[in-house]
C-alpha atoms as a PDB file:
ATOM      1  CA  MET A   1      80.623 178.020 -10.665  1.00  0.00           C
ATOM      2  CA  VAL A   2      77.006 179.460 -10.658  1.00  0.00           C
ATOM      3  CA  ALA A   3      76.225 177.499  -7.476  1.00  0.00           C
ATOM      4  CA  GLN A   4      79.392 178.920  -5.459  1.00  0.00           C
ATOM      5  CA  GLN A   5      77.880 182.850  -5.933  1.00  0.00           C
ATOM      6  CA  TYR A   6      74.727 182.117  -4.858  1.00  0.00           C
ATOM      7  CA  ILE A   7      75.921 180.584  -1.727  1.00  0.00           C
ATOM      8  CA  GLU A   8      78.991 183.484  -1.634  1.00  0.00           C
ATOM      9  CA  GLN A   9      75.394 185.767  -1.897  1.00  0.00           C
ATOM     10  CA  GLU A  10      74.289 183.850   1.158  1.00  0.00           C
ATOM     11  CA  PHE A  11      71.322 181.819  -0.259  1.00  0.00           C
ATOM     12  CA  PRO A  12      70.954 178.816   1.511  1.00  0.00           C
ATOM     13  CA  VAL A  13      72.918 175.864   0.254  1.00  0.00           C
ATOM     14  CA  ASN A  14      69.743 173.301   0.225  1.00  0.00           C
ATOM     15  CA  LYS A  15      67.411 175.744  -2.139  1.00  0.00           C
ATOM     16  CA  VAL A  16      70.850 176.349  -4.649  1.00  0.00           C
ATOM     17  CA  VAL A  17      71.922 172.756  -5.075  1.00  0.00           C
ATOM     18  CA  ARG A  18      68.463 171.807  -5.793  1.00  0.00           C
ATOM     19  CA  MET A  19      68.074 174.671  -8.044  1.00  0.00           C
ATOM     20  CA  VAL A  20      71.199 173.718 -10.454  1.00  0.00           C
ATOM     21  CA  GLY A  21      70.436 169.856  -9.951  1.00  0.00           C
ATOM     22  CA  LEU A  22      73.150 169.178  -7.561  1.00  0.00           C
ATOM     23  CA  SER A  23      72.911 166.291  -5.205  1.00  0.00           C
ATOM     24  CA  ARG A  24      74.048 167.443  -2.029  1.00  0.00           C
ATOM     25  CA  SER A  25      76.682 164.875  -1.815  1.00  0.00           C
ATOM     26  CA  SER A  26      78.107 166.169  -4.900  1.00  0.00           C
ATOM     27  CA  TYR A  27      78.898 169.545  -3.095  1.00  0.00           C
ATOM     28  CA  TYR A  28      81.868 169.584  -1.136  1.00  0.00           C
ATOM     29  CA  TYR A  29      82.177 172.116   1.908  1.00  0.00           C
ATOM     30  CA  SER A  30      85.924 173.131   2.669  1.00  0.00           C
ATOM     31  CA  PRO A  31      87.572 170.793   5.428  1.00  0.00           C
ATOM     32  CA  LYS A  32      87.690 172.461   8.910  1.00  0.00           C
ATOM     33  CA  GLU A  33      91.151 172.508  10.599  1.00  0.00           C
ATOM     34  CA  GLY A  34      91.967 170.187  13.108  1.00  0.00           C
ATOM     35  CA  LYS A  35      91.028 166.396  13.563  1.00  0.00           C
ATOM     36  CA  ARG A  36      87.932 165.241  12.634  1.00  0.00           C
ATOM     37  CA  GLY A  37      85.159 163.145  14.976  1.00  0.00           C
ATOM     38  CA  LYS A  38      84.043 164.529  17.902  1.00  0.00           C
ATOM     39  CA  LYS A  39      86.354 165.839  20.558  1.00  0.00           C
ATOM     40  CA  ALA A  40      87.757 163.809  23.227  1.00  0.00           C
ATOM     41  CA  THR A  41      86.264 164.650  27.051  1.00  0.00           C
ATOM     42  CA  GLU A  42      89.120 165.318  29.330  1.00  0.00           C
ATOM     43  CA  PHE A  43      87.794 163.691  31.958  1.00  0.00           C
ATOM     44  CA  VAL A  44      86.748 159.549  32.336  1.00  0.00           C
ATOM     45  CA  LEU A  45      83.996 158.439  34.953  1.00  0.00           C
ATOM     46  CA  ASN A  46      84.070 155.994  37.701  1.00  0.00           C
ATOM     47  CA  ARG A  47      81.315 153.755  39.277  1.00  0.00           C
ATOM     48  CA  ASP A  48      79.626 155.970  40.831  1.00  0.00           C
ATOM     49  CA  GLY A  49      79.038 158.650  38.009  1.00  0.00           C
ATOM     50  CA  THR A  50      81.556 161.073  38.916  1.00  0.00           C
ATOM     51  CA  ALA A  51      84.295 162.614  36.950  1.00  0.00           C
ATOM     52  CA  VAL A  52      87.526 161.751  37.466  1.00  0.00           C
ATOM     53  CA  SER A  53      90.461 164.379  35.331  1.00  0.00           C
ATOM     54  CA  LEU A  54      92.757 162.167  33.140  1.00  0.00           C
ATOM     55  CA  GLY A  55      95.688 163.607  34.899  1.00  0.00           C
ATOM     56  CA  GLU A  56      93.921 161.393  38.076  1.00  0.00           C
ATOM     57  CA  LEU A  57      93.956 158.740  35.894  1.00  0.00           C
ATOM     58  CA  VAL A  58      97.475 158.578  34.599  1.00  0.00           C
ATOM     59  CA  LYS A  59      98.434 158.611  38.095  1.00  0.00           C
ATOM     60  CA  ASP A  60      96.466 155.734  38.696  1.00  0.00           C
ATOM     61  CA  ILE A  61      98.272 153.992  35.924  1.00  0.00           C
ATOM     62  CA  GLU A  62     101.489 155.132  36.414  1.00  0.00           C
ATOM     63  CA  SER A  63     101.177 154.069  39.952  1.00  0.00           C
ATOM     64  CA  LEU A  64     100.034 150.209  39.118  1.00  0.00           C
ATOM     65  CA  LEU A  65     103.317 149.982  36.507  1.00  0.00           C
ATOM     66  CA  ASN A  66     105.319 151.540  39.254  1.00  0.00           C
ATOM     67  CA  GLU A  67     104.802 148.101  41.132  1.00  0.00           C
ATOM     68  CA  GLU A  68     107.343 146.146  41.935  1.00  0.00           C
ATOM     69  CA  PHE A  69     106.063 143.024  40.104  1.00  0.00           C
ATOM     70  CA  VAL A  70     103.785 144.527  37.277  1.00  0.00           C
ATOM     71  CA  ASP A  71     104.290 143.651  33.836  1.00  0.00           C
ATOM     72  CA  TYR A  72     101.106 145.003  32.258  1.00  0.00           C
ATOM     73  CA  GLY A  73     100.330 146.047  28.629  1.00  0.00           C
ATOM     74  CA  TYR A  74      97.231 148.457  28.077  1.00  0.00           C
ATOM     75  CA  TYR A  75      94.697 145.135  28.101  1.00  0.00           C
ATOM     76  CA  LYS A  76      95.881 144.388  31.851  1.00  0.00           C
ATOM     77  CA  THR A  77      95.601 147.755  32.810  1.00  0.00           C
ATOM     78  CA  TYR A  78      92.474 148.675  31.397  1.00  0.00           C
ATOM     79  CA  ILE A  79      90.946 145.441  33.511  1.00  0.00           C
ATOM     80  CA  TYR A  80      92.841 146.570  36.587  1.00  0.00           C
ATOM     81  CA  LEU A  81      91.381 150.268  35.823  1.00  0.00           C
ATOM     82  CA  THR A  82      87.828 148.884  35.273  1.00  0.00           C
ATOM     83  CA  LYS A  83      87.157 145.890  38.179  1.00  0.00           C
ATOM     84  CA  LYS A  84      89.876 146.840  40.632  1.00  0.00           C
ATOM     85  CA  LEU A  85      89.565 150.719  40.330  1.00  0.00           C
ATOM     86  CA  GLY A  86      85.886 151.412  38.988  1.00  0.00           C
ATOM     87  CA  TYR A  87      86.596 153.119  35.763  1.00  0.00           C
ATOM     88  CA  ARG A  88      83.784 153.495  33.018  1.00  0.00           C
ATOM     89  CA  ILE A  89      86.269 153.566  29.898  1.00  0.00           C
ATOM     90  CA  GLY A  90      87.219 151.285  27.592  1.00  0.00           C
ATOM     91  CA  SER A  91      90.236 149.359  26.481  1.00  0.00           C
ATOM     92  CA  SER A  92      90.878 151.393  23.049  1.00  0.00           C
ATOM     93  CA  ARG A  93      90.590 154.780  25.286  1.00  0.00           C
ATOM     94  CA  VAL A  94      93.061 153.395  27.761  1.00  0.00           C
ATOM     95  CA  TYR A  95      95.528 152.266  24.914  1.00  0.00           C
ATOM     96  CA  GLN A  96      95.222 155.697  23.338  1.00  0.00           C
ATOM     97  CA  ILE A  97      95.578 157.903  26.303  1.00  0.00           C
ATOM     98  CA  MET A  98      98.636 155.275  27.759  1.00  0.00           C
ATOM     99  CA  LYS A  99     100.140 155.664  24.383  1.00  0.00           C
ATOM    100  CA  ARG A 100     100.372 159.725  24.806  1.00  0.00           C
ATOM    101  CA  ASN A 101     101.696 159.297  27.715  1.00  0.00           C
ATOM    102  CA  ASN A 102     104.193 156.880  26.965  1.00  0.00           C
ATOM    103  CA  LEU A 103     103.255 154.622  29.641  1.00  0.00           C
ATOM    104  CA  LEU A 104     102.989 151.706  27.168  1.00  0.00           C
ATOM    105  CA  LYS A 105     106.544 150.331  27.734  1.00  0.00           C
ATOM    106  CA  PHE A 106     106.623 152.619  31.064  1.00  0.00           C
ATOM    107  CA  HIS A 107     106.878 149.464  33.037  1.00  0.00           C
ATOM    108  CA  ARG A 108     109.735 147.844  31.563  1.00  0.00           C
ATOM    109  CA  ALA A 109     113.038 149.575  32.960  1.00  0.00           C
ATOM    110  CA  ASP A 110     115.588 149.773  30.405  1.00  0.00           C
ATOM    111  CA  LYS A 111     118.229 146.799  31.107  1.00  0.00           C
ATOM    112  CA  VAL A 112     121.536 147.938  32.218  1.00  0.00           C
ATOM    113  CA  ARG A 113     124.131 147.128  29.680  1.00  0.00           C
ATOM    114  CA  HIS A 114     127.807 148.220  29.387  1.00  0.00           C
ATOM    115  CA  GLN A 115     129.095 148.778  26.478  1.00  0.00           C
ATOM    116  CA  ARG A 116     130.380 145.097  25.079  1.00  0.00           C
ATOM    117  CA  ASN A 117     133.742 144.045  23.902  1.00  0.00           C
ATOM    118  CA  TRP A 118     132.772 141.912  20.687  1.00  0.00           C
ATOM    119  CA  VAL A 119     134.920 139.345  19.922  1.00  0.00           C
ATOM    120  CA  LYS A 120     137.941 140.917  17.080  1.00  0.00           C
ATOM    121  CA  GLN A 121     140.095 137.819  16.921  1.00  0.00           C
ATOM    122  CA  LEU A 122     138.488 134.334  16.245  1.00  0.00           C
ATOM    123  CA  VAL A 123     140.832 132.098  17.432  1.00  0.00           C
ATOM    124  CA  PRO A 124     142.683 133.603  20.450  1.00  0.00           C
ATOM    125  CA  THR A 125     145.972 133.334  21.222  1.00  0.00           C
ATOM    126  CA  PRO A 126     147.228 133.771  24.309  1.00  0.00           C
ATOM    127  CA  THR A 127     150.969 133.309  25.474  1.00  0.00           C
ATOM    128  CA  THR A 128     150.358 131.440  29.360  1.00  0.00           C
ATOM    129  CA  GLU A 129     148.353 130.050  31.177  1.00  0.00           C
ATOM    130  CA  PHE A 130     145.023 131.260  32.548  1.00  0.00           C
ATOM    131  CA  SER A 131     144.964 134.781  30.525  1.00  0.00           C
ATOM    132  CA  PHE A 132     142.200 133.658  28.657  1.00  0.00           C
ATOM    133  CA  LEU A 133     139.603 131.642  30.082  1.00  0.00           C
ATOM    134  CA  GLU A 134     135.868 130.393  28.172  1.00  0.00           C
ATOM    135  CA  PHE A 135     132.995 129.494  29.525  1.00  0.00           C
ATOM    136  CA  ASP A 136     129.436 128.818  28.704  1.00  0.00           C
ATOM    137  CA  ILE A 137     126.661 126.162  30.052  1.00  0.00           C
ATOM    138  CA  LYS A 138     125.752 122.609  28.876  1.00  0.00           C
ATOM    139  CA  TYR A 139     122.385 121.003  29.727  1.00  0.00           C
ATOM    140  CA  MET A 140     122.774 117.376  30.692  1.00  0.00           C
ATOM    141  CA  TYR A 141     119.699 114.816  30.360  1.00  0.00           C
ATOM    142  CA  VAL A 142     118.844 112.658  33.968  1.00  0.00           C
ATOM    143  CA  ALA A 143     116.678 110.125  33.195  1.00  0.00           C
ATOM    144  CA  GLY A 144     116.063 109.132  36.255  1.00  0.00           C
ATOM    145  CA  LYS A 145     114.370 112.700  36.745  1.00  0.00           C
ATOM    146  CA  ARG A 146     113.098 113.138  33.021  1.00  0.00           C
ATOM    147  CA  ALA A 147     114.669 116.569  33.152  1.00  0.00           C
ATOM    148  CA  ASN A 148     117.807 118.762  32.120  1.00  0.00           C
ATOM    149  CA  VAL A 149     120.527 120.113  34.498  1.00  0.00           C
ATOM    150  CA  GLN A 150     122.883 122.639  33.301  1.00  0.00           C
ATOM    151  CA  VAL A 151     126.802 122.360  33.610  1.00  0.00           C
ATOM    152  CA  LEU A 152     128.617 125.755  33.338  1.00  0.00           C
ATOM    153  CA  THR A 153     132.294 125.105  33.096  1.00  0.00           C
ATOM    154  CA  VAL A 154     135.259 127.747  32.993  1.00  0.00           C
ATOM    155  CA  ILE A 155     138.306 126.357  30.439  1.00  0.00           C
ATOM    156  CA  ASP A 156     142.065 127.888  30.367  1.00  0.00           C
ATOM    157  CA  VAL A 157     142.589 128.098  26.534  1.00  0.00           C
ATOM    158  CA  PHE A 158     146.074 128.126  26.828  1.00  0.00           C
ATOM    159  CA  SER A 159     146.512 124.671  28.576  1.00  0.00           C
ATOM    160  CA  ARG A 160     142.813 123.655  28.038  1.00  0.00           C
ATOM    161  CA  TRP A 161     142.438 123.115  32.091  1.00  0.00           C
ATOM    162  CA  VAL A 162     139.040 122.953  33.501  1.00  0.00           C
ATOM    163  CA  LEU A 163     139.009 125.438  36.559  1.00  0.00           C
ATOM    164  CA  GLY A 164     135.797 124.427  37.821  1.00  0.00           C
ATOM    165  CA  GLN A 165     132.284 123.898  37.253  1.00  0.00           C
ATOM    166  CA  TYR A 166     128.557 124.524  38.436  1.00  0.00           C
ATOM    167  CA  ILE A 167     126.044 122.026  37.999  1.00  0.00           C
ATOM    168  CA  HIS A 168     122.150 122.580  39.035  1.00  0.00           C
ATOM    169  CA  TRP A 169     118.913 122.587  37.319  1.00  0.00           C
ATOM    170  CA  SER A 170     118.979 125.788  36.896  1.00  0.00           C
ATOM    171  CA  ILE A 171     121.786 128.981  36.666  1.00  0.00           C
ATOM    172  CA  ARG A 172     121.518 131.973  37.580  1.00  0.00           C
ATOM    173  CA  ALA A 173     123.551 134.777  36.970  1.00  0.00           C
ATOM    174  CA  GLU A 174     124.010 135.233  40.700  1.00  0.00           C
ATOM    175  CA  ASN A 175     125.752 131.682  40.433  1.00  0.00           C
ATOM    176  CA  VAL A 176     127.849 132.636  38.070  1.00  0.00           C
ATOM    177  CA  VAL A 177     129.646 134.942  39.647  1.00  0.00           C
ATOM    178  CA  GLU A 178     130.110 132.734  43.023  1.00  0.00           C
ATOM    179  CA  LEU A 179     131.894 130.448  40.619  1.00  0.00           C
ATOM    180  CA  LEU A 180     134.670 133.151  39.443  1.00  0.00           C
ATOM    181  CA  LYS A 181     135.156 134.461  42.782  1.00  0.00           C
ATOM    182  CA  THR A 182     135.950 130.734  43.791  1.00  0.00           C
ATOM    183  CA  LEU A 183     138.282 130.327  41.039  1.00  0.00           C
ATOM    184  CA  PHE A 184     139.587 133.761  40.958  1.00  0.00           C
ATOM    185  CA  CYS A 185     140.669 133.636  44.489  1.00  0.00           C
ATOM    186  CA  THR A 186     142.060 129.996  43.945  1.00  0.00           C
ATOM    187  CA  TYR A 187     144.066 130.380  41.166  1.00  0.00           C
ATOM    188  CA  GLU A 188     146.821 132.578  40.159  1.00  0.00           C
ATOM    189  CA  VAL A 189     145.402 133.855  37.518  1.00  0.00           C
ATOM    190  CA  PRO A 190     147.167 137.922  36.201  1.00  0.00           C
ATOM    191  CA  SER A 191     146.011 140.760  37.096  1.00  0.00           C
ATOM    192  CA  LYS A 192     145.084 141.595  33.956  1.00  0.00           C
ATOM    193  CA  PHE A 193     143.062 138.790  31.937  1.00  0.00           C
ATOM    194  CA  ILE A 194     140.642 137.839  29.207  1.00  0.00           C
ATOM    195  CA  VAL A 195     136.963 136.075  29.482  1.00  0.00           C
ATOM    196  CA  ARG A 196     135.068 135.035  26.823  1.00  0.00           C
ATOM    197  CA  ASN A 197     131.597 134.039  26.677  1.00  0.00           C
ATOM    198  CA  ASP A 198     128.538 134.258  24.299  1.00  0.00           C
ATOM    199  CA  ASN A 199     125.489 136.428  24.746  1.00  0.00           C
ATOM    200  CA  GLY A 200     123.265 133.985  27.301  1.00  0.00           C
ATOM    201  CA  SER A 201     121.542 135.987  29.711  1.00  0.00           C
ATOM    202  CA  GLN A 202     122.781 134.744  33.207  1.00  0.00           C
ATOM    203  CA  PHE A 203     126.443 136.212  31.046  1.00  0.00           C
ATOM    204  CA  GLU A 204     125.124 139.223  29.786  1.00  0.00           C
ATOM    205  CA  ALA A 205     123.415 140.399  33.179  1.00  0.00           C
ATOM    206  CA  ASP A 206     124.419 143.652  35.167  1.00  0.00           C
ATOM    207  CA  ILE A 207     125.849 141.869  38.309  1.00  0.00           C
ATOM    208  CA  VAL A 208     128.588 139.466  35.936  1.00  0.00           C
ATOM    209  CA  GLN A 209     129.528 142.028  33.883  1.00  0.00           C
ATOM    210  CA  LYS A 210     130.064 144.344  37.350  1.00  0.00           C
ATOM    211  CA  TYR A 211     132.299 141.662  38.661  1.00  0.00           C
ATOM    212  CA  LEU A 212     134.462 141.846  36.174  1.00  0.00           C
ATOM    213  CA  LEU A 213     134.647 145.596  35.606  1.00  0.00           C
ATOM    214  CA  SER A 214     135.523 145.044  39.258  1.00  0.00           C
ATOM    215  CA  ARG A 215     138.197 143.055  38.791  1.00  0.00           C
ATOM    216  CA  GLY A 216     139.876 144.869  35.842  1.00  0.00           C
ATOM    217  CA  VAL A 217     139.086 141.536  33.399  1.00  0.00           C
ATOM    218  CA  MET A 218     137.796 141.634  29.925  1.00  0.00           C
ATOM    219  CA  GLN A 219     134.893 140.341  29.006  1.00  0.00           C
ATOM    220  CA  GLU A 220     134.666 139.629  25.391  1.00  0.00           C
ATOM    221  CA  PHE A 221     131.051 138.334  23.887  1.00  0.00           C
ATOM    222  CA  THR A 222     130.898 136.401  21.115  1.00  0.00           C
ATOM    223  CA  LYS A 223     128.611 137.386  17.992  1.00  0.00           C
ATOM    224  CA  PRO A 224     125.422 136.164  18.138  1.00  0.00           C
ATOM    225  CA  ALA A 225     125.230 132.452  15.927  1.00  0.00           C
ATOM    226  CA  THR A 226     129.088 132.180  16.349  1.00  0.00           C
ATOM    227  CA  PRO A 227     129.963 129.030  18.283  1.00  0.00           C
ATOM    228  CA  GLN A 228     132.902 129.056  16.843  1.00  0.00           C
ATOM    229  CA  GLN A 229     134.012 131.671  18.359  1.00  0.00           C
ATOM    230  CA  ASN A 230     133.836 129.939  21.745  1.00  0.00           C
ATOM    231  CA  ALA A 231     135.502 127.159  20.135  1.00  0.00           C
ATOM    232  CA  HIS A 232     137.496 125.728  23.119  1.00  0.00           C
ATOM    233  CA  ILE A 233     134.453 125.681  25.385  1.00  0.00           C
ATOM    234  CA  GLU A 234     132.575 124.091  22.734  1.00  0.00           C
ATOM    235  CA  ALA A 235     134.959 121.699  21.931  1.00  0.00           C
ATOM    236  CA  TYR A 236     135.168 120.491  25.892  1.00  0.00           C
ATOM    237  CA  HIS A 237     131.353 119.843  25.644  1.00  0.00           C
ATOM    238  CA  SER A 238     131.560 117.796  22.620  1.00  0.00           C
ATOM    239  CA  ILE A 239     133.640 115.893  24.421  1.00  0.00           C
ATOM    240  CA  VAL A 240     131.502 115.664  27.511  1.00  0.00           C
ATOM    241  CA  GLU A 241     128.851 114.518  25.438  1.00  0.00           C
ATOM    242  CA  SER A 242     130.554 111.384  23.697  1.00  0.00           C
ATOM    243  CA  ALA A 243     132.372 110.289  26.918  1.00  0.00           C
ATOM    244  CA  VAL A 244     129.667 111.018  29.467  1.00  0.00           C
ATOM    245  CA  CYS A 245     126.478 112.084  28.129  1.00  0.00           C
ATOM    246  CA  ARG A 246     126.144 108.963  25.362  1.00  0.00           C
ATOM    247  CA  ARG A 247     127.596 106.433  27.783  1.00  0.00           C
ATOM    248  CA  MET A 248     125.921 107.137  31.175  1.00  0.00           C
ATOM    249  CA  GLU A 249     122.617 107.408  32.708  1.00  0.00           C
ATOM    250  CA  PHE A 250     122.302 109.708  35.432  1.00  0.00           C
ATOM    251  CA  GLU A 251     119.310 109.032  38.507  1.00  0.00           C
ATOM    252  CA  ASP A 252     119.599 112.112  40.112  1.00  0.00           C
ATOM    253  CA  LEU A 253     121.379 115.464  40.312  1.00  0.00           C
ATOM    254  CA  ASP A 254     124.113 114.384  42.930  1.00  0.00           C
ATOM    255  CA  HIS A 255     124.950 111.635  40.628  1.00  0.00           C
ATOM    256  CA  VAL A 256     125.349 114.146  38.081  1.00  0.00           C
ATOM    257  CA  LYS A 257     128.032 115.944  40.069  1.00  0.00           C
ATOM    258  CA  GLN A 258     129.992 112.760  41.085  1.00  0.00           C
ATOM    259  CA  LYS A 259     130.297 111.631  37.544  1.00  0.00           C
ATOM    260  CA  MET A 260     131.466 114.838  36.369  1.00  0.00           C
ATOM    261  CA  GLU A 261     134.214 115.552  39.240  1.00  0.00           C
ATOM    262  CA  LYS A 262     135.506 112.401  38.644  1.00  0.00           C
ATOM    263  CA  PHE A 263     135.435 113.132  34.287  1.00  0.00           C
ATOM    264  CA  ILE A 264     137.160 116.355  34.988  1.00  0.00           C
ATOM    265  CA  GLU A 265     140.102 114.849  37.430  1.00  0.00           C
ATOM    266  CA  PHE A 266     140.546 112.184  34.575  1.00  0.00           C
ATOM    267  CA  TYR A 267     140.384 115.129  31.861  1.00  0.00           C
ATOM    268  CA  ASN A 268     142.580 117.218  33.427  1.00  0.00           C
ATOM    269  CA  PHE A 269     145.471 114.757  34.358  1.00  0.00           C
ATOM    270  CA  ASP A 270     145.122 111.875  31.970  1.00  0.00           C
ATOM    271  CA  ARG A 271     142.850 112.776  29.255  1.00  0.00           C
ATOM    272  CA  ILE A 272     145.584 113.135  25.989  1.00  0.00           C
ATOM    273  CA  HIS A 273     145.155 116.727  24.000  1.00  0.00           C
ATOM    274  CA  GLY A 274     146.128 117.023  20.260  1.00  0.00           C
ATOM    275  CA  GLY A 275     145.691 120.781  20.691  1.00  0.00           C
ATOM    276  CA  ILE A 276     149.184 120.973  23.467  1.00  0.00           C
ATOM    277  CA  GLY A 277     151.207 118.245  22.230  1.00  0.00           C
ATOM    278  CA  HIS A 278     149.499 115.248  22.538  1.00  0.00           C
ATOM    279  CA  GLN A 279     149.632 115.374  26.606  1.00  0.00           C
ATOM    280  CA  SER A 280     147.137 116.195  29.325  1.00  0.00           C
ATOM    281  CA  PRO A 281     146.500 119.714  30.331  1.00  0.00           C
ATOM    282  CA  TYR A 282     148.403 118.910  33.888  1.00  0.00           C
ATOM    283  CA  GLU A 283     151.499 117.262  31.735  1.00  0.00           C
ATOM    284  CA  PHE A 284     151.623 120.526  29.718  1.00  0.00           C
ATOM    285  CA  LEU A 285     151.594 122.564  32.826  1.00  0.00           C
ATOM    286  CA  LEU A 286     154.190 120.577  33.907  1.00  0.00           C
ATOM    287  CA  THR A 287     156.512 121.874  31.290  1.00  0.00           C
ATOM    288  CA  ARG A 288     155.663 125.643  31.796  1.00  0.00           C
ATOM    289  CA  GLY A 289     156.520 124.604  35.367  1.00  0.00           C
ATOM    290  CA  THR A 290     153.130 124.557  37.053  1.00  0.00           C
ATOM    291  CA  ASP A 291     152.558 121.837  39.149  1.00  0.00           C
ATOM    292  CA  MET A 292     148.520 121.315  39.652  1.00  0.00           C
ATOM    293  CA  SER A 293     148.471 119.086  42.124  1.00  0.00           C
ATOM    294  CA  VAL A 294     150.780 120.543  44.504  1.00  0.00           C
ATOM    295  CA  SER A 295     147.933 120.902  47.098  1.00  0.00           C
ATOM    296  CA  SER A 296     144.176 119.770  46.425  1.00  0.00           C
ATOM    297  CA  SER A 297     143.565 123.724  46.463  1.00  0.00           C
ATOM    298  CA  ARG A 298     144.536 123.695  42.896  1.00  0.00           C
ATOM    299  CA  LYS A 299     142.050 121.055  41.716  1.00  0.00           C
ATOM    300  CA  PRO A 300     138.839 122.073  39.913  1.00  0.00           C
ATOM    301  CA  CYS A 301     136.733 123.764  41.855  1.00  0.00           C
ATOM    302  CA  PHE A 302     132.872 123.267  41.917  1.00  0.00           C
ATOM    303  CA  GLY A 303     131.541 125.884  43.553  1.00  0.00           C
ATOM    304  CA  ASN A 304     129.583 125.862  46.824  1.00  0.00           C
ATOM    305  CA  GLN A 305     126.466 124.296  45.233  1.00  0.00           C
ATOM    306  CA  ASN A 306     124.578 124.056  48.280  1.00  0.00           C
ATOM    307  CA  LYS A 307     124.588 127.300  49.060  1.00  0.00           C
ATOM    308  CA  LEU A 308     123.615 128.376  45.639  1.00  0.00           C
ATOM    309  CA  ILE A 309     120.917 126.253  45.202  1.00  0.00           C
END
């Protein structure tokens, strides 16, 4: 190209492009290396105009995100830096700095998870009582309070015997552990057995998984959206819905506890179950040589529900 030859001979670019009839926009300079645009400064200013290094700014962000209850993303971090610490900085730059230093999720501690044992057998086939338990939480409506209570129940798959339950407005992982501890001390459970539950936050919590591991108990998790894998406790919840929830209106939490205690006594000792030869769980266990009425300590446990509030 003629223009290029003149430019290479160090003639002014503006004159050359005019002489050959080109517009300035038609002439392309060779691209420069590196990112385009203005190079970012290595400091920021505070409210009195003093320069603060980016390293100090990052330390302030890390200090904020390490506080016990802080769950801020970049925008709230920007608000904190400008309003509380007096930095003169824009939200976009805070985002870029946090991204570059892997701080966008810095405040979210990785959830401790043990390797889960997913359900392999759709319907469990235990051969003895208390060797395979299922547990889950059901919501029950309390009309007198216009609110739901949560009912955590543990059932033996082999005999359909309800080992115990915990009832409160909300149930935490600590409540699950406390009920399980009570049940494992009350009943003569085998040294090795299995419990099955869904993926509720209370059940997958670290404290629950660690407790079961410490007892040598295998915890099975049902796969998401597969209630049929927890069929026995789901069937029990269906019975509670038809026999209790649809027939009664509850005044308060104590009313629910009283009725559910009476219902479980009926369920264990008198209710006919097709899955165990049209007997009650109590009658079925008697045929196995296990008399669940020998002492009051062998009746269903309801947890220390006042202590756990």
